[in-house]
Amino acid sequence: MTEPKAETRTDPRDRAVDALMSLAAIREWHEIELADVAREAGLSLADLRTSFPSKGAILGALSRRFDLAVLKDDGEDMAGENPRDRLFDVLMRRIDAMTPYKAALRRIVPAIERDPAAAAAMNSVALNSQRYMLAAAGIRTEDALGTLKVQGLVLAFVRTLHTWFDDDDPGLARTMAKLDEELRRGETILKRADDVRRFASPFVNALSALAGGIGRSGGRRRGGRRRPDDGRYTAPDDMPVYAKAGGTDPAAMI
């Protein structure tokens, strides 16, 4: 498929997204300037700046476009399937939404991976997207392992994309096999992490209770002493002057 033409949309934000994707399909990511995007989109630089502060922000809008393409389908036909199969269906629908931009993404993703700052910024975007993908599959993300689920899925999906970039089979057999492999691996990791959490939970609770008891008994004075008359904290004699000022308990400053 060819990249959508920037001029086919009227919203400046949509035009900027399409313009960037059109350019990225034929040029290296680091060669594309904001002025190039504005010109391709038929916008002034002022108009582009009103919509986006950077190329990364434009990619964020593209990611939200993919999110909405997936989320408009409630996935009701998969309601009776197990969580892994539901998530597999959701992510394949995301790949379907990404297909018109495959040539551009094939250039963009590796370029971003080579730039630590850009990779960190795009990871934040991906975390938001994959949190919604998990929600669409009916998988909780606010439980004890929620953060691990979301970040793990980001990494699994990126690895799947690298297979997809080289998969020219219309049926995407290699891509689906890779995605299934990644989801099964993630499922195993989450089970192990949950086992560790369950095993450690009694010890963590005991330590928390112990720490709470120490705090209530005044054990956090960190070498200070209490005046016998009013119980106020007094800094030790060897504490630096700046720490003594005002008689402030250093523990209360953390």
Protein backbone atom coordinates (compact mmCIF):
# COMPACT_ATOMS: atom_id res chain seq x y z
CA MET A 1 0.00 0.00 0.00
CA THR A 2 1.10 3.58 -0.57
CA GLU A 3 1.27 6.18 2.13
CA PRO A 4 -1.86 8.38 2.53
CA LYS A 5 -1.40 11.77 0.88
CA ALA A 6 -1.21 14.69 3.29
CA GLU A 7 -3.62 16.79 1.28
CA THR A 8 -6.45 14.22 1.55
CA ARG A 9 -7.23 15.38 5.11
CA THR A 10 -8.41 18.77 6.28
CA ASP A 11 -7.30 18.73 9.93
CA PRO A 12 -3.78 20.25 10.21
CA ARG A 13 -2.74 17.62 12.74
CA ASP A 14 -3.80 14.78 10.48
CA ARG A 15 -2.08 16.43 7.53
CA ALA A 16 1.14 16.74 9.53
CA VAL A 17 1.01 13.06 10.52
CA ASP A 18 0.44 11.96 6.93
CA ALA A 19 3.15 14.29 5.67
CA LEU A 20 5.72 12.91 8.07
CA MET A 21 4.82 9.34 7.14
CA SER A 22 5.04 10.13 3.42
CA LEU A 23 8.51 11.59 3.89
CA ALA A 24 9.70 8.80 6.18
CA ALA A 25 8.73 6.20 3.59
CA ILE A 26 11.38 7.54 1.21
CA ARG A 27 13.90 9.37 3.42
CA GLU A 28 15.98 8.59 6.48
CA TRP A 29 14.43 9.73 9.76
CA HIS A 30 17.31 12.03 10.73
CA GLU A 31 17.17 13.77 7.36
CA ILE A 32 13.58 14.97 7.79
CA GLU A 33 13.30 18.52 9.12
CA LEU A 34 10.20 20.18 10.57
CA ALA A 35 10.23 22.57 7.61
CA ASP A 36 10.02 19.55 5.30
CA VAL A 37 6.98 18.27 7.17
CA ALA A 38 5.26 21.64 7.04
CA ARG A 39 5.92 21.98 3.32
CA GLU A 40 4.68 18.43 2.58
CA ALA A 41 1.55 19.04 4.64
CA GLY A 42 0.84 22.41 3.03
CA LEU A 43 1.19 24.18 6.37
CA SER A 44 3.23 27.12 7.56
CA LEU A 45 5.78 26.49 10.28
CA ALA A 46 3.55 28.50 12.60
CA ASP A 47 0.63 26.20 11.85
CA LEU A 48 2.78 23.13 12.41
CA ARG A 49 4.11 24.52 15.69
CA THR A 50 0.55 25.18 16.85
CA SER A 51 -0.18 21.50 16.34
CA PHE A 52 3.10 19.80 17.32
CA PRO A 53 6.36 20.75 19.04
CA SER A 54 8.46 17.99 17.43
CA LYS A 55 8.59 15.01 15.10
CA GLY A 56 8.27 12.77 18.14
CA ALA A 57 4.99 14.46 19.04
CA ILE A 58 3.72 13.79 15.53
CA LEU A 59 4.55 10.11 16.03
CA GLY A 60 2.56 10.26 19.25
CA ALA A 61 -0.46 11.42 17.27
CA LEU A 62 0.07 8.55 14.83
CA SER A 63 0.14 6.11 17.74
CA ARG A 64 -3.15 7.50 19.02
CA ARG A 65 -4.57 7.02 15.53
CA PHE A 66 -3.67 3.34 15.78
CA ASP A 67 -5.14 3.17 19.29
CA LEU A 68 -8.49 4.49 18.10
CA ALA A 69 -8.55 2.18 15.09
CA VAL A 70 -8.27 -0.77 17.47
CA LEU A 71 -10.54 0.53 20.20
CA LYS A 72 -13.47 1.29 17.91
CA ASP A 73 -13.89 -2.50 17.61
CA ASP A 74 -15.18 -3.75 20.96
CA GLY A 75 -13.82 -7.25 20.31
CA GLU A 76 -17.09 -8.78 21.41
CA ASP A 77 -16.51 -11.80 19.17
CA MET A 78 -13.43 -12.68 21.27
CA ALA A 79 -15.15 -12.32 24.64
CA GLY A 80 -15.16 -16.05 25.31
CA GLU A 81 -11.49 -16.61 24.49
CA ASN A 82 -8.61 -16.79 26.94
CA PRO A 83 -6.67 -13.57 27.72
CA ARG A 84 -3.68 -14.43 25.51
CA ASP A 85 -5.89 -15.07 22.48
CA ARG A 86 -7.83 -11.86 23.10
CA LEU A 87 -4.60 -9.88 23.31
CA PHE A 88 -3.26 -11.60 20.19
CA ASP A 89 -6.39 -10.48 18.30
CA VAL A 90 -6.08 -6.90 19.60
CA LEU A 91 -2.42 -6.60 18.57
CA MET A 92 -3.01 -8.08 15.13
CA ARG A 93 -5.73 -5.48 14.62
CA ARG A 94 -3.17 -2.86 15.61
CA ILE A 95 -0.75 -4.21 13.01
CA ASP A 96 -3.55 -4.05 10.43
CA ALA A 97 -4.02 -0.37 11.29
CA MET A 98 -0.27 0.19 10.91
CA THR A 99 -0.01 -1.53 7.52
CA PRO A 100 -0.52 1.60 5.36
CA TYR A 101 2.53 3.11 7.09
CA LYS A 102 4.76 0.03 7.02
CA ALA A 103 7.39 1.49 4.69
CA ALA A 104 7.78 4.56 6.91
CA LEU A 105 7.79 2.62 10.18
CA ARG A 106 10.42 0.25 8.81
CA ARG A 107 12.78 3.25 8.67
CA ILE A 108 11.57 5.08 11.77
CA VAL A 109 11.67 2.34 14.41
CA PRO A 110 15.34 1.33 13.98
CA ALA A 111 16.37 5.00 13.84
CA ILE A 112 14.62 5.74 17.14
CA GLU A 113 16.15 2.66 18.76
CA ARG A 114 19.61 4.04 17.99
CA ASP A 115 18.81 7.32 19.79
CA PRO A 116 18.52 6.78 23.59
CA ALA A 117 16.64 10.04 24.21
CA ALA A 118 14.17 9.43 21.40
CA ALA A 119 13.74 5.80 22.48
CA ALA A 120 12.91 6.86 26.04
CA ALA A 121 10.37 9.40 24.81
CA MET A 122 8.71 6.94 22.46
CA ASN A 123 8.65 4.30 25.18
CA SER A 124 6.35 6.61 27.15
CA VAL A 125 4.04 6.86 24.13
CA ALA A 126 4.13 3.09 23.66
CA LEU A 127 3.32 2.49 27.34
CA ASN A 128 0.15 4.54 27.01
CA SER A 129 -0.87 2.69 23.85
CA GLN A 130 -0.19 -0.79 25.18
CA ARG A 131 -2.05 -0.03 28.41
CA TYR A 132 -5.12 0.55 26.24
CA MET A 133 -4.41 -2.59 24.20
CA LEU A 134 -4.40 -4.62 27.40
CA ALA A 135 -7.63 -2.94 28.48
CA ALA A 136 -9.19 -3.80 25.12
CA ALA A 137 -8.25 -7.43 25.75
CA GLY A 138 -9.85 -7.30 29.20
CA ILE A 139 -6.52 -7.64 31.02
CA ARG A 140 -5.98 -5.72 34.26
CA THR A 141 -3.13 -3.22 34.51
CA GLU A 142 -3.81 -1.72 37.95
CA ASP A 143 -2.84 -4.83 39.89
CA ALA A 144 0.54 -5.64 41.48
CA LEU A 145 2.03 -6.74 38.14
CA GLY A 146 0.44 -4.01 36.03
CA THR A 147 3.64 -2.10 35.32
CA LEU A 148 5.45 -5.29 34.32
CA LYS A 149 2.60 -6.26 32.01
CA VAL A 150 2.58 -2.93 30.19
CA GLN A 151 6.34 -2.52 29.80
CA GLY A 152 6.72 -6.18 28.88
CA LEU A 153 4.10 -5.84 26.18
CA VAL A 154 5.85 -2.77 24.74
CA LEU A 155 9.05 -4.80 24.33
CA ALA A 156 7.22 -7.84 22.97
CA PHE A 157 5.36 -5.76 20.40
CA VAL A 158 8.53 -4.01 19.21
CA ARG A 159 10.21 -7.38 18.71
CA THR A 160 7.17 -8.50 16.75
CA LEU A 161 7.36 -5.39 14.57
CA HIS A 162 10.90 -6.25 13.52
CA THR A 163 9.57 -9.55 12.17
CA TRP A 164 6.63 -7.78 10.54
CA PHE A 165 8.91 -5.34 8.72
CA ASP A 166 10.42 -8.25 6.77
CA ASP A 167 7.22 -10.27 6.42
CA ASP A 168 5.83 -9.74 2.91
CA ASP A 169 3.40 -12.66 3.12
CA PRO A 170 -0.18 -11.29 2.86
CA GLY A 171 -1.19 -13.80 5.53
CA LEU A 172 1.55 -12.55 7.89
CA ALA A 173 2.36 -16.09 9.02
CA ARG A 174 5.79 -15.17 10.38
CA THR A 175 4.44 -12.12 12.17
CA MET A 176 1.65 -14.08 13.84
CA ALA A 177 4.06 -16.83 14.88
CA LYS A 178 6.41 -14.26 16.41
CA LEU A 179 3.59 -12.48 18.24
CA ASP A 180 2.31 -15.76 19.64
CA GLU A 181 5.82 -16.66 20.78
CA GLU A 182 6.27 -13.29 22.50
CA LEU A 183 2.91 -13.47 24.27
CA ARG A 184 3.59 -16.99 25.52
CA ARG A 185 6.99 -15.89 26.78
CA GLY A 186 5.41 -12.92 28.53
CA GLU A 187 2.80 -15.16 30.10
CA THR A 188 5.56 -17.35 31.55
CA ILE A 189 7.49 -14.36 32.90
CA LEU A 190 4.37 -12.95 34.56
CA LYS A 191 3.59 -16.28 36.21
CA ARG A 192 7.11 -16.47 37.62
CA ALA A 193 6.94 -12.85 38.79
CA ASP A 194 3.61 -13.53 40.49
CA ASP A 195 5.04 -16.60 42.20
CA VAL A 196 7.95 -14.51 43.52
CA ARG A 197 5.57 -11.78 44.67
CA ARG A 198 3.39 -14.30 46.52
CA PHE A 199 6.45 -15.91 48.12
CA ALA A 200 7.92 -12.58 49.21
CA SER A 201 4.66 -10.99 50.35
CA PRO A 202 4.73 -12.32 53.96
CA PHE A 203 8.30 -11.12 54.42
CA VAL A 204 7.53 -7.71 52.96
CA ASN A 205 4.49 -7.37 55.23
CA ALA A 206 6.56 -8.39 58.27
CA LEU A 207 9.28 -5.87 57.44
CA SER A 208 6.67 -3.14 56.91
CA ALA A 209 5.10 -3.90 60.26
CA LEU A 210 8.52 -3.89 61.94
CA ALA A 211 9.43 -0.56 60.31
CA GLY A 212 6.12 0.90 61.41
CA GLY A 213 6.77 -0.20 64.98
CA ILE A 214 10.23 1.32 64.96
CA GLY A 215 8.86 4.58 63.60
CA ARG A 216 6.20 4.78 66.34
CA SER A 217 8.77 4.11 69.05
CA GLY A 218 11.00 6.95 67.89
CA GLY A 219 13.63 4.72 66.26
CA ARG A 220 14.04 7.09 63.30
CA ARG A 221 15.87 9.72 65.38
CA ARG A 222 19.08 8.69 63.55
CA GLY A 223 21.43 9.42 66.41
CA GLY A 224 19.52 12.39 67.79
CA ARG A 225 18.19 12.63 71.31
CA ARG A 226 15.05 13.96 72.88
CA ARG A 227 14.99 16.73 75.42
CA PRO A 228 13.51 15.49 78.65
CA ASP A 229 11.36 18.58 79.04
CA ASP A 230 9.39 18.83 75.77
CA GLY A 231 10.39 15.81 73.65
CA ARG A 232 11.60 17.94 70.77
CA TYR A 233 14.32 16.61 68.55
CA THR A 234 17.89 17.79 69.28
CA ALA A 235 20.64 17.21 66.71
CA PRO A 236 23.78 15.34 67.82
CA ASP A 237 26.83 17.48 68.57
CA ASP A 238 28.72 16.10 65.56
CA MET A 239 26.01 16.94 63.04
CA PRO A 240 26.93 19.66 60.48
CA VAL A 241 25.73 23.15 61.32
CA TYR A 242 23.45 23.41 58.27
CA ALA A 243 21.64 20.25 59.39
CA LYS A 244 21.18 21.56 62.95
CA ALA A 245 19.43 24.74 61.84
CA GLY A 246 15.99 24.99 63.35
CA GLY A 247 16.32 21.68 65.16
CA THR A 248 14.86 19.86 62.12
CA ASP A 249 14.83 16.07 62.22
CA PRO A 250 16.76 14.95 59.08
CA ALA A 251 14.46 11.95 58.78
CA ALA A 252 11.51 14.27 58.23
CA MET A 253 13.23 15.82 55.23
CA ILE A 254 13.27 12.61 53.16
